[in-house]
N, C-alpha and C. Protein backbone atom coordinates (compact mmCIF):
# COMPACT_ATOMS: atom_id res chain seq x y z
N UNK A 1 91.00 -10.39 44.35
CA UNK A 1 90.74 -9.60 44.99
C UNK A 1 89.70 -9.26 43.98
N UNK A 2 88.27 -8.15 44.11
CA UNK A 2 88.02 -7.71 42.90
C UNK A 2 87.95 -6.18 43.37
N UNK A 3 87.29 -5.51 41.75
CA UNK A 3 88.13 -4.14 41.54
C UNK A 3 88.79 -3.22 42.36
N UNK A 4 89.01 -2.50 42.45
CA UNK A 4 89.62 -2.00 43.43
C UNK A 4 90.14 -2.47 45.10
N UNK A 5 89.61 -3.15 45.11
CA UNK A 5 90.35 -4.24 45.84
C UNK A 5 91.21 -4.99 46.06
N UNK A 6 92.71 -4.33 45.84
CA UNK A 6 94.17 -5.05 45.82
C UNK A 6 94.57 -5.42 46.65
N UNK A 7 94.06 -4.77 47.72
CA UNK A 7 95.17 -5.24 48.98
C UNK A 7 95.00 -6.21 50.05
N UNK A 8 94.97 -6.46 51.20
CA UNK A 8 94.10 -6.85 52.11
C UNK A 8 93.62 -6.67 52.73
N UNK A 9 93.10 -5.24 53.35
CA UNK A 9 92.10 -4.97 53.72
C UNK A 9 90.86 -5.53 54.45
N UNK A 10 90.37 -6.58 53.67
CA UNK A 10 89.46 -7.33 53.94
C UNK A 10 89.91 -8.56 55.31
N UNK A 11 91.17 -8.85 54.68
CA UNK A 11 91.85 -9.73 55.46
C UNK A 11 91.65 -8.96 57.02
N UNK A 12 92.31 -8.16 56.96
CA UNK A 12 92.66 -7.14 58.72
C UNK A 12 91.46 -6.58 58.56
N UNK A 13 90.27 -5.95 58.11
CA UNK A 13 89.47 -6.04 58.66
C UNK A 13 88.82 -7.41 59.49
N UNK A 14 88.30 -8.43 58.70
CA UNK A 14 88.04 -10.09 59.26
C UNK A 14 88.80 -9.86 60.66
N UNK A 15 89.63 -9.61 60.46
CA UNK A 15 90.72 -9.73 61.41
C UNK A 15 90.75 -9.63 62.82
N UNK A 16 90.07 -8.21 63.18
CA UNK A 16 89.57 -6.84 63.94
C UNK A 16 88.24 -7.33 64.47
N UNK A 17 87.61 -8.17 63.21
CA UNK A 17 85.99 -8.40 63.94
C UNK A 17 85.61 -9.30 64.83
N UNK A 18 86.93 -10.54 64.46
CA UNK A 18 86.55 -11.31 65.61
C UNK A 18 87.50 -11.44 66.53
N UNK A 19 87.64 -10.00 67.08
CA UNK A 19 87.85 -9.72 68.29
C UNK A 19 87.04 -8.77 68.49
N UNK A 20 86.43 -7.45 67.57
CA UNK A 20 86.45 -6.02 68.29
C UNK A 20 84.74 -5.73 67.27
N UNK A 21 84.63 -5.27 67.33
CA UNK A 21 83.26 -4.83 66.58
C UNK A 21 84.19 -3.20 66.08
N UNK A 22 83.75 -3.74 64.75
CA UNK A 22 83.95 -2.44 63.44
C UNK A 22 83.06 -1.36 63.90
N UNK A 23 84.09 -0.58 63.78
CA UNK A 23 82.81 1.15 63.60
C UNK A 23 82.51 1.40 61.99
N UNK A 24 81.14 1.68 62.19
CA UNK A 24 80.37 1.38 61.51
C UNK A 24 80.96 1.50 59.52
N UNK A 25 82.25 2.78 59.94
CA UNK A 25 82.57 3.09 58.36
C UNK A 25 83.27 1.36 58.39
N UNK A 26 83.95 0.93 57.94
CA UNK A 26 84.68 -0.70 58.39
C UNK A 26 83.20 -1.61 58.10
N UNK A 27 82.47 -1.34 58.95
CA UNK A 27 81.11 -1.82 58.77
C UNK A 27 80.43 -2.22 57.16
N UNK A 28 80.85 -0.59 56.86
CA UNK A 28 79.86 -0.87 55.88
C UNK A 28 81.23 -0.30 54.35
N UNK A 29 82.51 -0.70 54.75
CA UNK A 29 83.65 -0.87 53.12
C UNK A 29 83.05 -2.95 53.77
N UNK A 30 83.10 -3.35 54.75
CA UNK A 30 83.00 -4.53 54.13
C UNK A 30 81.47 -4.82 53.16
N UNK A 31 81.23 -4.49 54.15
CA UNK A 31 78.97 -4.14 53.52
C UNK A 31 79.53 -3.98 51.84
N UNK A 32 79.86 -3.22 51.45
CA UNK A 32 80.19 -2.40 49.99
C UNK A 32 80.88 -3.75 49.35
N UNK A 33 82.19 -4.25 49.81
CA UNK A 33 82.77 -5.38 49.52
C UNK A 33 82.15 -6.50 48.63
N UNK A 34 81.21 -6.95 49.91
CA UNK A 34 80.77 -8.23 49.41
C UNK A 34 78.75 -7.73 48.84
N UNK A 35 78.32 -6.85 48.46
CA UNK A 35 77.50 -6.53 47.82
C UNK A 35 77.97 -6.73 46.24
N UNK A 36 78.41 -6.07 46.03
CA UNK A 36 79.77 -6.11 44.99
C UNK A 36 79.77 -7.04 44.35
N UNK A 37 80.11 -8.70 44.98
CA UNK A 37 79.78 -10.17 44.43
C UNK A 37 79.53 -10.59 43.75
N UNK A 38 79.71 -11.28 42.11
CA UNK A 38 79.11 -12.26 41.58
C UNK A 38 78.91 -12.84 41.80
N UNK A 39 80.60 -13.97 41.79
CA UNK A 39 80.57 -15.80 42.15
C UNK A 39 81.36 -16.25 43.29
N UNK A 40 80.73 -16.37 44.50
CA UNK A 40 80.98 -16.55 45.77
C UNK A 40 81.74 -17.49 45.77
N UNK A 41 83.48 -17.63 46.19
CA UNK A 41 84.19 -18.75 46.55
C UNK A 41 84.59 -18.91 47.72
N UNK A 42 84.97 -20.37 47.92
CA UNK A 42 85.64 -19.60 49.96
C UNK A 42 85.95 -18.64 50.13
N UNK A 43 87.35 -17.88 49.54
CA UNK A 43 87.26 -16.79 50.74
C UNK A 43 86.79 -15.96 50.92
N UNK A 44 85.21 -15.16 49.34
CA UNK A 44 84.15 -14.12 49.53
C UNK A 44 83.58 -15.09 50.81
N UNK A 45 83.93 -16.41 50.90
CA UNK A 45 82.32 -16.30 51.91
C UNK A 45 82.71 -16.78 53.35
N UNK A 46 84.35 -17.26 53.09
CA UNK A 46 85.02 -16.86 54.61
C UNK A 46 84.87 -15.52 54.92
N UNK A 47 84.99 -14.49 54.61
CA UNK A 47 84.93 -13.11 55.16
C UNK A 47 83.27 -12.75 55.48
N UNK A 48 82.87 -13.65 54.83
CA UNK A 48 80.78 -13.19 54.25
C UNK A 48 81.01 -13.88 55.49
N UNK A 49 81.24 -15.26 56.49
CA UNK A 49 81.15 -15.28 57.05
C UNK A 49 81.35 -14.62 58.96
N UNK A 50 82.71 -14.81 58.59
CA UNK A 50 83.75 -14.04 59.79
C UNK A 50 83.49 -13.29 60.16
N UNK A 51 82.91 -12.10 59.38
CA UNK A 51 81.89 -11.46 59.11
C UNK A 51 80.60 -10.73 60.21
N UNK A 52 79.58 -12.06 59.26
CA UNK A 52 78.13 -11.97 59.83
C UNK A 52 77.77 -11.96 61.20
N UNK A 53 78.43 -11.34 61.99
CA UNK A 53 77.37 -11.54 62.82
C UNK A 53 77.90 -9.24 63.51
N UNK A 54 78.43 -9.08 62.58
CA UNK A 54 77.94 -7.75 62.37
C UNK A 54 78.00 -7.00 61.64
N UNK A 55 77.69 -7.60 60.06
CA UNK A 55 76.71 -7.37 59.51
C UNK A 55 75.30 -6.90 59.64
N UNK A 56 75.08 -6.14 58.29
CA UNK A 56 73.37 -5.80 58.46
C UNK A 56 72.47 -7.00 57.76
N UNK A 57 70.63 -7.40 58.65
CA UNK A 57 70.84 -8.82 58.30
C UNK A 57 69.97 -8.47 56.88
N UNK A 58 69.63 -7.36 56.69
CA UNK A 58 69.08 -7.25 55.33
C UNK A 58 70.18 -7.39 54.25
N UNK A 59 71.56 -6.97 54.64
CA UNK A 59 72.81 -7.81 53.19
C UNK A 59 72.47 -9.26 53.23
N UNK A 60 72.90 -9.41 54.59
CA UNK A 60 73.05 -11.48 54.68
C UNK A 60 72.25 -11.84 54.53
N UNK A 61 71.33 -11.53 54.63
CA UNK A 61 69.66 -11.83 53.88
C UNK A 61 69.35 -11.96 51.78
N UNK A 62 70.34 -10.99 52.09
CA UNK A 62 69.66 -10.32 50.47
C UNK A 62 71.23 -11.35 50.12
N UNK A 63 71.91 -11.29 50.25
CA UNK A 63 73.14 -12.66 49.96
C UNK A 63 72.74 -13.87 50.19
N UNK A 64 72.67 -14.24 50.96
CA UNK A 64 71.45 -16.20 50.83
C UNK A 64 70.61 -16.66 50.41
N UNK A 65 69.89 -15.49 50.05
CA UNK A 65 68.96 -15.41 49.32
C UNK A 65 69.11 -14.97 47.90
N UNK A 66 70.81 -14.40 47.14
CA UNK A 66 70.91 -14.87 45.90
C UNK A 66 71.77 -16.00 45.90
N UNK A 67 72.39 -16.02 47.09
CA UNK A 67 73.17 -17.70 46.72
C UNK A 67 72.43 -18.91 46.59
N UNK A 68 71.53 -18.71 47.27
CA UNK A 68 70.19 -19.60 47.03
C UNK A 68 69.80 -19.88 46.04
N UNK A 69 69.65 -18.97 44.77
CA UNK A 69 69.34 -18.67 43.25
C UNK A 69 69.64 -19.02 42.81
N UNK A 70 71.31 -19.58 43.13
CA UNK A 70 72.53 -20.47 42.03
C UNK A 70 73.19 -21.10 42.94
N UNK A 71 71.55 -22.26 43.04
CA UNK A 71 71.84 -23.14 44.68
C UNK A 71 73.29 -24.58 43.67
N UNK A 72 72.71 -24.56 42.32
CA UNK A 72 73.52 -25.39 41.40
C UNK A 72 75.37 -25.17 41.62
N UNK A 73 75.32 -23.96 41.47
CA UNK A 73 77.18 -24.04 41.29
C UNK A 73 77.10 -23.56 42.59
N UNK A 74 76.42 -24.82 43.81
CA UNK A 74 78.03 -24.01 45.42
C UNK A 74 77.44 -25.87 46.02
N UNK A 75 76.44 -27.48 45.13
CA UNK A 75 75.72 -28.10 46.23
C UNK A 75 77.06 -29.05 45.52
N UNK A 76 77.23 -29.43 46.43
CA UNK A 76 77.61 -30.61 46.37
C UNK A 76 79.85 -30.45 46.47
N UNK A 77 79.67 -29.41 47.43
CA UNK A 77 80.72 -28.38 48.06
C UNK A 77 80.51 -27.88 49.65
N UNK A 78 81.09 -29.05 49.97
CA UNK A 78 81.08 -29.21 51.53
C UNK A 78 81.37 -27.58 52.20
N UNK A 79 82.76 -27.77 51.38
CA UNK A 79 83.45 -25.94 52.32
C UNK A 79 82.22 -24.81 51.54
N UNK A 80 81.40 -25.06 51.00
CA UNK A 80 81.22 -23.15 50.45
C UNK A 80 80.02 -23.63 51.61
N UNK A 81 79.19 -25.37 51.38
CA UNK A 81 77.81 -25.42 52.37
C UNK A 81 78.14 -24.87 53.77
N UNK A 82 79.44 -25.03 54.59
CA UNK A 82 79.57 -24.63 55.02
C UNK A 82 79.66 -23.87 55.74
N UNK A 83 80.37 -22.76 54.48
CA UNK A 83 80.53 -21.09 54.75
C UNK A 83 78.82 -20.27 54.75
N UNK A 84 78.20 -20.71 53.93
CA UNK A 84 76.66 -20.67 54.04
C UNK A 84 75.76 -20.22 55.10
N UNK A 85 76.26 -21.81 55.66
CA UNK A 85 75.26 -22.17 57.33
C UNK A 85 76.18 -21.40 58.54
N UNK A 86 77.91 -20.77 58.45
CA UNK A 86 77.82 -20.39 59.50
C UNK A 86 78.26 -18.57 59.26
N UNK A 87 78.11 -18.81 58.13
CA UNK A 87 76.79 -17.73 58.05
C UNK A 87 76.02 -16.85 58.80
N UNK A 88 74.92 -17.74 58.65
CA UNK A 88 73.63 -18.25 58.37
C UNK A 88 74.23 -17.91 60.30
N UNK A 89 74.28 -18.76 61.25
CA UNK A 89 74.43 -19.08 62.51
C UNK A 89 75.44 -17.73 62.73
N UNK A 90 75.92 -17.29 62.63
CA UNK A 90 76.74 -16.31 63.34
C UNK A 90 75.27 -14.49 62.87
N UNK A 91 74.94 -14.59 62.22
CA UNK A 91 73.63 -13.04 61.51
C UNK A 91 72.80 -13.78 62.74
N UNK A 92 72.51 -14.38 63.10
CA UNK A 92 71.60 -15.25 63.52
C UNK A 92 71.56 -15.54 65.29
N UNK A 93 72.85 -15.44 66.20
CA UNK A 93 73.17 -15.47 67.23
C UNK A 93 73.15 -13.99 67.07
N UNK A 94 73.11 -13.22 66.51
CA UNK A 94 72.99 -11.30 67.23
C UNK A 94 71.84 -11.41 67.49
N UNK A 95 71.34 -12.03 65.46
CA UNK A 95 69.57 -11.53 65.81
C UNK A 95 68.74 -11.40 66.99
N UNK A 96 69.58 -12.54 67.38
CA UNK A 96 67.75 -13.74 68.63
C UNK A 96 68.73 -12.90 70.48
N UNK A 97 69.68 -12.51 69.95
CA UNK A 97 70.48 -11.38 71.43
C UNK A 97 70.10 -10.36 71.30
N UNK A 98 69.14 -9.43 70.88
CA UNK A 98 68.99 -8.09 70.68
C UNK A 98 67.30 -8.40 70.12
N UNK A 99 66.76 -10.32 70.39
CA UNK A 99 64.89 -9.78 70.96
C UNK A 99 64.84 -10.22 69.83
N UNK A 100 65.64 -10.49 68.52
CA UNK A 100 64.92 -10.77 66.82
C UNK A 100 64.04 -11.76 66.00
N UNK A 101 64.24 -12.69 66.35
CA UNK A 101 63.90 -14.31 66.73
C UNK A 101 63.78 -14.34 65.26
N UNK A 102 61.83 -13.51 65.11
CA UNK A 102 60.83 -14.23 64.04
C UNK A 102 62.72 -14.06 62.51
N UNK A 103 63.56 -12.48 62.77
CA UNK A 103 64.49 -12.63 61.73
C UNK A 103 65.22 -13.67 61.34
N UNK A 104 65.82 -13.61 62.40
CA UNK A 104 66.73 -15.58 63.09
C UNK A 104 66.47 -16.44 62.28
N UNK A 105 65.04 -16.90 62.58
CA UNK A 105 64.71 -17.90 62.75
C UNK A 105 64.26 -17.96 60.97
N UNK A 106 63.64 -16.80 60.88
CA UNK A 106 63.35 -16.24 58.44
C UNK A 106 64.65 -16.48 58.22
N UNK A 107 66.46 -16.64 58.87
CA UNK A 107 68.01 -16.17 58.27
C UNK A 107 68.06 -17.98 58.68
N UNK A 108 68.21 -18.84 59.16
CA UNK A 108 67.94 -19.36 59.24
C UNK A 108 67.54 -20.95 58.34
N UNK A 109 66.15 -20.97 58.38
CA UNK A 109 65.17 -21.33 57.20
C UNK A 109 65.37 -21.62 56.23
N UNK A 110 66.21 -20.63 55.95
CA UNK A 110 66.67 -19.86 54.05
C UNK A 110 67.69 -21.39 54.28
N UNK A 111 68.85 -21.48 54.77
CA UNK A 111 69.79 -22.44 55.19
C UNK A 111 69.64 -24.35 55.10
N UNK A 112 68.41 -24.24 55.56
CA UNK A 112 67.65 -25.26 56.52
C UNK A 112 68.39 -26.57 55.88
N UNK A 113 67.98 -26.48 54.28
CA UNK A 113 68.17 -27.75 53.47
C UNK A 113 69.11 -27.69 53.40
């Protein structure tokens, strides 16, 4: 884990997010953790993908934009690519259910290539 996150708090929150809606404080906690990641590895991409449907669009968009800027680090790594596409797909499904189809389209186009 990074910084002060030495326990399994994010695994706990991610497991909860798979079954229930997180409260505002939990979403903020996960968002703060994810926003501070500099090098995305399978673990952090997994947390991102599993929580994407509850995270703010702006955060997911910023993270995928950042990952796209450093594409060479992820190119040819299938598990990373899968996690990035899962993230966009899950966030897009939430956006579509809210009627925000343009945002969903923008996000999916970022991972199309």
